[in-house]
Amino acid sequence: MNCFDCLTSLQTESPASAVCSSCGAALCVVHALVGVPRQEVHSVGSPSATVLPGRRVWCSACAPSGAAPLAVRTRSHKVATA
């Protein structure tokens, strides 16, 4: 499966590593955005947002404000050698 954003905007093929949790588009590491889902709580005089457990991956069209690029948030993992 290839990244939808790479195919449509850059006309290149790159392997997808994630799927948007809202629309289902396949995304590469460059185009994937990661964030914590929030649920708005509407009450009279005191609107707030509750942070839901876990994390979500979104495409640029579906991402809420505050979602960070996946490429920035990943860590390089070193493999232990024996």
C-alpha atoms as a PDB file:
ATOM      1  CA  MET A   1       0.000   0.000   0.000  1.00  0.00           C
ATOM      2  CA  ASN A   2       1.334   3.462  -0.908  1.00  0.00           C
ATOM      3  CA  CYS A   3       0.901   6.877   0.710  1.00  0.00           C
ATOM      4  CA  PHE A   4      -2.157   8.689  -0.651  1.00  0.00           C
ATOM      5  CA  ASP A   5      -0.667  12.172  -0.159  1.00  0.00           C
ATOM      6  CA  CYS A   6       2.558  11.252  -1.987  1.00  0.00           C
ATOM      7  CA  LEU A   7       0.601   9.839  -4.928  1.00  0.00           C
ATOM      8  CA  THR A   8      -1.773  12.803  -5.259  1.00  0.00           C
ATOM      9  CA  SER A   9       0.472  15.769  -4.489  1.00  0.00           C
ATOM     10  CA  LEU A  10       3.983  14.620  -5.423  1.00  0.00           C
ATOM     11  CA  GLN A  11       3.166  11.931  -8.022  1.00  0.00           C
ATOM     12  CA  THR A  12       5.634   9.580  -6.318  1.00  0.00           C
ATOM     13  CA  GLU A  13       5.190   6.197  -4.707  1.00  0.00           C
ATOM     14  CA  SER A  14       6.275   5.705  -1.112  1.00  0.00           C
ATOM     15  CA  PRO A  15       5.231   2.872   1.196  1.00  0.00           C
ATOM     16  CA  ALA A  16       2.539   3.640   3.745  1.00  0.00           C
ATOM     17  CA  SER A  17       3.291   3.091   7.415  1.00  0.00           C
ATOM     18  CA  ALA A  18       0.003   4.316   8.931  1.00  0.00           C
ATOM     19  CA  VAL A  19      -3.685   4.801   8.197  1.00  0.00           C
ATOM     20  CA  CYS A  20      -5.692   7.936   9.044  1.00  0.00           C
ATOM     21  CA  SER A  21      -8.043   7.167  11.937  1.00  0.00           C
ATOM     22  CA  SER A  22     -10.734   9.443  10.452  1.00  0.00           C
ATOM     23  CA  CYS A  23     -10.845   8.869   6.689  1.00  0.00           C
ATOM     24  CA  GLY A  24      -8.747   5.701   6.263  1.00  0.00           C
ATOM     25  CA  ALA A  25      -6.167   7.153   3.858  1.00  0.00           C
ATOM     26  CA  ALA A  26      -2.804   5.355   3.775  1.00  0.00           C
ATOM     27  CA  LEU A  27       0.061   7.590   4.952  1.00  0.00           C
ATOM     28  CA  CYS A  28       3.851   7.519   4.897  1.00  0.00           C
ATOM     29  CA  VAL A  29       5.973   8.721   7.821  1.00  0.00           C
ATOM     30  CA  VAL A  30       6.319  12.197   6.281  1.00  0.00           C
ATOM     31  CA  HIS A  31       2.565  12.788   5.873  1.00  0.00           C
ATOM     32  CA  ALA A  32       1.271  11.119   9.075  1.00  0.00           C
ATOM     33  CA  LEU A  33       0.321  13.376  11.999  1.00  0.00           C
ATOM     34  CA  VAL A  34       0.081  12.020  15.551  1.00  0.00           C
ATOM     35  CA  GLY A  35      -1.905  13.427  18.426  1.00  0.00           C
ATOM     36  CA  VAL A  36      -4.026  12.718  21.455  1.00  0.00           C
ATOM     37  CA  PRO A  37      -7.771  12.595  20.811  1.00  0.00           C
ATOM     38  CA  ARG A  38      -9.954  15.023  22.731  1.00  0.00           C
ATOM     39  CA  GLN A  39     -13.689  15.027  23.318  1.00  0.00           C
ATOM     40  CA  GLU A  40     -15.395  18.373  23.812  1.00  0.00           C
ATOM     41  CA  VAL A  41     -17.658  18.574  26.855  1.00  0.00           C
ATOM     42  CA  HIS A  42     -20.385  21.175  26.478  1.00  0.00           C
ATOM     43  CA  SER A  43     -21.838  22.533  29.682  1.00  0.00           C
ATOM     44  CA  VAL A  44     -23.379  25.869  30.512  1.00  0.00           C
ATOM     45  CA  GLY A  45     -20.679  28.356  31.462  1.00  0.00           C
ATOM     46  CA  SER A  46     -17.838  25.861  31.535  1.00  0.00           C
ATOM     47  CA  PRO A  47     -16.953  24.304  28.169  1.00  0.00           C
ATOM     48  CA  SER A  48     -13.943  21.997  28.354  1.00  0.00           C
ATOM     49  CA  ALA A  49     -12.223  19.161  26.547  1.00  0.00           C
ATOM     50  CA  THR A  50     -11.514  15.711  27.939  1.00  0.00           C
ATOM     51  CA  VAL A  51      -8.371  13.910  26.786  1.00  0.00           C
ATOM     52  CA  LEU A  52      -9.194  10.382  25.635  1.00  0.00           C
ATOM     53  CA  PRO A  53      -6.774   7.494  26.206  1.00  0.00           C
ATOM     54  CA  GLY A  54      -4.295   6.466  23.523  1.00  0.00           C
ATOM     55  CA  ARG A  55      -2.987   8.285  20.495  1.00  0.00           C
ATOM     56  CA  ARG A  56      -4.322   8.687  16.974  1.00  0.00           C
ATOM     57  CA  VAL A  57      -2.806   9.085  13.516  1.00  0.00           C
ATOM     58  CA  TRP A  58      -4.403  11.524  11.058  1.00  0.00           C
ATOM     59  CA  CYS A  59      -3.802  12.850   7.553  1.00  0.00           C
ATOM     60  CA  SER A  60      -3.346  16.597   7.057  1.00  0.00           C
ATOM     61  CA  ALA A  61      -6.997  17.020   6.016  1.00  0.00           C
ATOM     62  CA  CYS A  62      -8.411  15.362   9.159  1.00  0.00           C
ATOM     63  CA  ALA A  63      -5.840  16.352  11.807  1.00  0.00           C
ATOM     64  CA  PRO A  64      -6.971  18.538  14.701  1.00  0.00           C
ATOM     65  CA  SER A  65      -4.841  21.466  15.816  1.00  0.00           C
ATOM     66  CA  GLY A  66      -1.984  20.264  17.966  1.00  0.00           C
ATOM     67  CA  ALA A  67      -1.230  17.086  15.997  1.00  0.00           C
ATOM     68  CA  ALA A  68       2.505  16.692  15.346  1.00  0.00           C
ATOM     69  CA  PRO A  69       4.263  15.148  12.329  1.00  0.00           C
ATOM     70  CA  LEU A  70       5.089  11.488  12.906  1.00  0.00           C
ATOM     71  CA  ALA A  71       8.639  11.909  11.589  1.00  0.00           C
ATOM     72  CA  VAL A  72       9.425  14.418  14.352  1.00  0.00           C
ATOM     73  CA  ARG A  73       7.964  12.301  17.155  1.00  0.00           C
ATOM     74  CA  THR A  74       9.659   8.983  16.373  1.00  0.00           C
ATOM     75  CA  ARG A  75      12.817   7.840  18.149  1.00  0.00           C
ATOM     76  CA  SER A  76      15.642   5.908  16.592  1.00  0.00           C
ATOM     77  CA  HIS A  77      15.817   2.504  18.237  1.00  0.00           C
ATOM     78  CA  LYS A  78      19.204   0.883  18.586  1.00  0.00           C
ATOM     79  CA  VAL A  79      19.367  -2.872  18.275  1.00  0.00           C
ATOM     80  CA  ALA A  80      21.464  -4.523  20.961  1.00  0.00           C
ATOM     81  CA  THR A  81      24.205  -6.745  19.593  1.00  0.00           C
ATOM     82  CA  ALA A  82      25.504  -9.781  21.440  1.00  0.00           C
END
